């Protein structure tokens, strides 16, 4: 080890500057290892955020329908599903999410949520079913 340090000091005295190839390779390997760990973690966080946004949209839509049912003697306003669009209406979805509301004549309803880039989140749709009591599983 002392010999290596002595050689390095001698090179500096002779005016040599810069990094050795080994030092550069070590830095590149360290950066590669960090990237291999960080990129999958980042992608999983994005998927989780997208899934959470769809779950939030479905829960908010259910709250709107339940409030409508409370105001209309126990049955939701059937026009909520008919007048809904992504841009206007009583229920608004987050950017990139699609929410479809179906209200049955008996007052039960289903809300289906999906993402435009569903392949990236590991599931295509999520359904909120009032008869089943809430959110189902991703399918």
Protein backbone atom coordinates (compact mmCIF):
# COMPACT_ATOMS: atom_id res chain seq x y z
CA UNK A 1 0.00 0.00 0.00
CA UNK A 2 2.85 2.39 0.85
CA UNK A 3 4.42 1.65 -2.51
CA UNK A 4 1.17 2.61 -4.30
CA UNK A 5 0.94 5.86 -2.35
CA UNK A 6 4.59 6.61 -3.11
CA UNK A 7 4.01 6.02 -6.84
CA UNK A 8 0.99 8.30 -6.81
CA UNK A 9 2.95 11.04 -5.04
CA UNK A 10 5.80 10.67 -7.53
CA UNK A 11 3.38 11.07 -10.46
CA UNK A 12 1.99 14.24 -8.92
CA UNK A 13 5.49 15.64 -8.48
CA UNK A 14 6.20 14.93 -12.16
CA UNK A 15 3.16 16.98 -13.14
CA UNK A 16 0.80 14.20 -14.15
CA UNK A 17 -2.84 15.13 -13.62
CA UNK A 18 -6.18 13.35 -13.89
CA UNK A 19 -7.77 10.12 -12.83
CA UNK A 20 -6.58 6.64 -13.58
CA UNK A 21 -8.68 4.25 -15.62
CA UNK A 22 -9.37 2.14 -12.53
CA UNK A 23 -10.69 5.14 -10.61
CA UNK A 24 -13.01 6.03 -13.49
CA UNK A 25 -14.26 2.44 -13.77
CA UNK A 26 -15.01 2.31 -10.04
CA UNK A 27 -17.08 5.49 -10.31
CA UNK A 28 -19.00 4.15 -13.33
CA UNK A 29 -19.71 0.86 -11.54
CA UNK A 30 -20.97 2.69 -8.43
CA UNK A 31 -23.28 4.87 -10.56
CA UNK A 32 -24.57 1.75 -12.34
CA UNK A 33 -25.35 0.00 -9.06
CA UNK A 34 -27.18 3.05 -7.72
CA UNK A 35 -29.20 3.35 -10.93
CA UNK A 36 -30.09 -0.36 -10.86
CA UNK A 37 -31.53 0.12 -7.37
CA UNK A 38 -33.18 3.52 -7.80
CA UNK A 39 -34.98 3.11 -11.15
CA UNK A 40 -37.22 0.14 -10.14
CA UNK A 41 -38.05 1.83 -6.83
CA UNK A 42 -39.06 4.99 -8.68
CA UNK A 43 -41.23 3.06 -11.15
CA UNK A 44 -43.00 1.19 -8.33
CA UNK A 45 -43.73 4.50 -6.60
CA UNK A 46 -45.29 5.85 -9.81
CA UNK A 47 -47.48 2.76 -10.15
CA UNK A 48 -48.61 3.10 -6.55
CA UNK A 49 -49.45 6.77 -7.05
CA UNK A 50 -51.48 6.02 -10.20
CA UNK A 51 -53.41 3.26 -8.43
CA UNK A 52 -54.06 5.55 -5.48
CA UNK A 53 -55.38 8.28 -7.77
CA UNK A 54 -57.88 5.87 -9.35
CA UNK A 55 -58.96 4.60 -5.92
CA UNK A 56 -59.41 8.19 -4.78
CA UNK A 57 -61.47 9.06 -7.87
CA UNK A 58 -63.76 6.07 -7.32
CA UNK A 59 -64.21 6.86 -3.64
CA UNK A 60 -64.98 10.51 -4.43
CA UNK A 61 -67.49 9.48 -7.10
CA UNK A 62 -69.16 7.17 -4.57
CA UNK A 63 -69.41 10.08 -2.11
CA UNK A 64 -71.09 12.24 -4.77
CA UNK A 65 -73.60 9.49 -5.52
CA UNK A 66 -74.25 8.83 -1.82
CA UNK A 67 -74.82 12.54 -1.23
CA UNK A 68 -77.25 12.55 -4.15
CA UNK A 69 -79.06 9.57 -2.63
CA UNK A 70 -79.30 11.37 0.70
CA UNK A 71 -80.84 14.41 -0.98
CA UNK A 72 -83.31 12.29 -3.02
CA UNK A 73 -84.89 10.09 -0.32
CA UNK A 74 -82.45 7.19 -0.60
CA UNK A 75 -82.11 6.88 -4.37
CA UNK A 76 -79.27 8.56 -6.25
CA UNK A 77 -80.04 10.95 -9.07
CA UNK A 78 -79.96 8.78 -12.19
CA UNK A 79 -78.78 11.73 -14.30
CA UNK A 80 -75.39 11.65 -12.59
CA UNK A 81 -74.36 8.76 -14.83
CA UNK A 82 -76.01 10.22 -17.94
CA UNK A 83 -74.55 13.72 -17.61
CA UNK A 84 -71.08 12.64 -16.60
CA UNK A 85 -68.13 13.47 -18.84
CA UNK A 86 -64.44 13.76 -18.07
CA UNK A 87 -64.50 17.53 -18.47
CA UNK A 88 -67.78 18.51 -16.81
CA UNK A 89 -70.50 17.12 -14.63
CA UNK A 90 -70.90 16.18 -11.03
CA UNK A 91 -67.95 13.77 -10.98
CA UNK A 92 -64.48 14.70 -12.25
CA UNK A 93 -61.65 12.23 -12.72
CA UNK A 94 -57.97 13.01 -12.26
CA UNK A 95 -55.83 13.56 -15.36
CA UNK A 96 -55.21 10.28 -17.16
CA UNK A 97 -58.02 8.46 -15.32
CA UNK A 98 -61.39 7.43 -16.72
CA UNK A 99 -64.41 6.94 -14.46
CA UNK A 100 -67.64 5.34 -15.70
CA UNK A 101 -70.75 5.47 -13.51
CA UNK A 102 -73.70 3.07 -13.88
CA UNK A 103 -76.72 3.61 -11.62
CA UNK A 104 -79.36 0.85 -11.50
CA UNK A 105 -83.07 1.50 -11.06
CA UNK A 106 -82.98 -0.01 -7.55
CA UNK A 107 -80.49 2.64 -6.43
CA UNK A 108 -77.38 0.46 -6.45
CA UNK A 109 -74.49 1.58 -8.58
CA UNK A 110 -71.12 0.56 -9.94
CA UNK A 111 -68.24 2.87 -10.72
CA UNK A 112 -65.46 1.62 -12.95
CA UNK A 113 -62.11 3.37 -12.97
CA UNK A 114 -59.19 2.86 -15.31
CA UNK A 115 -56.05 4.60 -16.47
CA UNK A 116 -55.23 5.44 -20.07
CA UNK A 117 -51.83 3.75 -19.70
CA UNK A 118 -53.13 0.77 -17.70
CA UNK A 119 -50.30 -1.51 -18.79
CA UNK A 120 -47.94 0.57 -16.68
CA UNK A 121 -49.82 -0.01 -13.42
CA UNK A 122 -50.20 -3.78 -13.45
CA UNK A 123 -53.98 -3.83 -13.81
CA UNK A 124 -56.52 -2.36 -16.16
CA UNK A 125 -59.64 -1.58 -14.11
CA UNK A 126 -60.92 -1.15 -10.59
CA UNK A 127 -64.62 -1.37 -9.75
CA UNK A 128 -66.52 0.21 -6.88
CA UNK A 129 -69.72 -1.75 -6.29
CA UNK A 130 -72.28 -0.33 -3.86
CA UNK A 131 -73.98 -3.72 -3.48
CA UNK A 132 -70.68 -5.38 -2.52
CA UNK A 133 -69.80 -2.53 -0.20
CA UNK A 134 -66.80 -0.87 -1.77
CA UNK A 135 -63.72 -1.25 -3.92
CA UNK A 136 -63.03 -4.59 -5.54
CA UNK A 137 -59.74 -6.05 -6.71
CA UNK A 138 -57.72 -4.83 -9.69
CA UNK A 139 -58.48 -6.76 -12.84
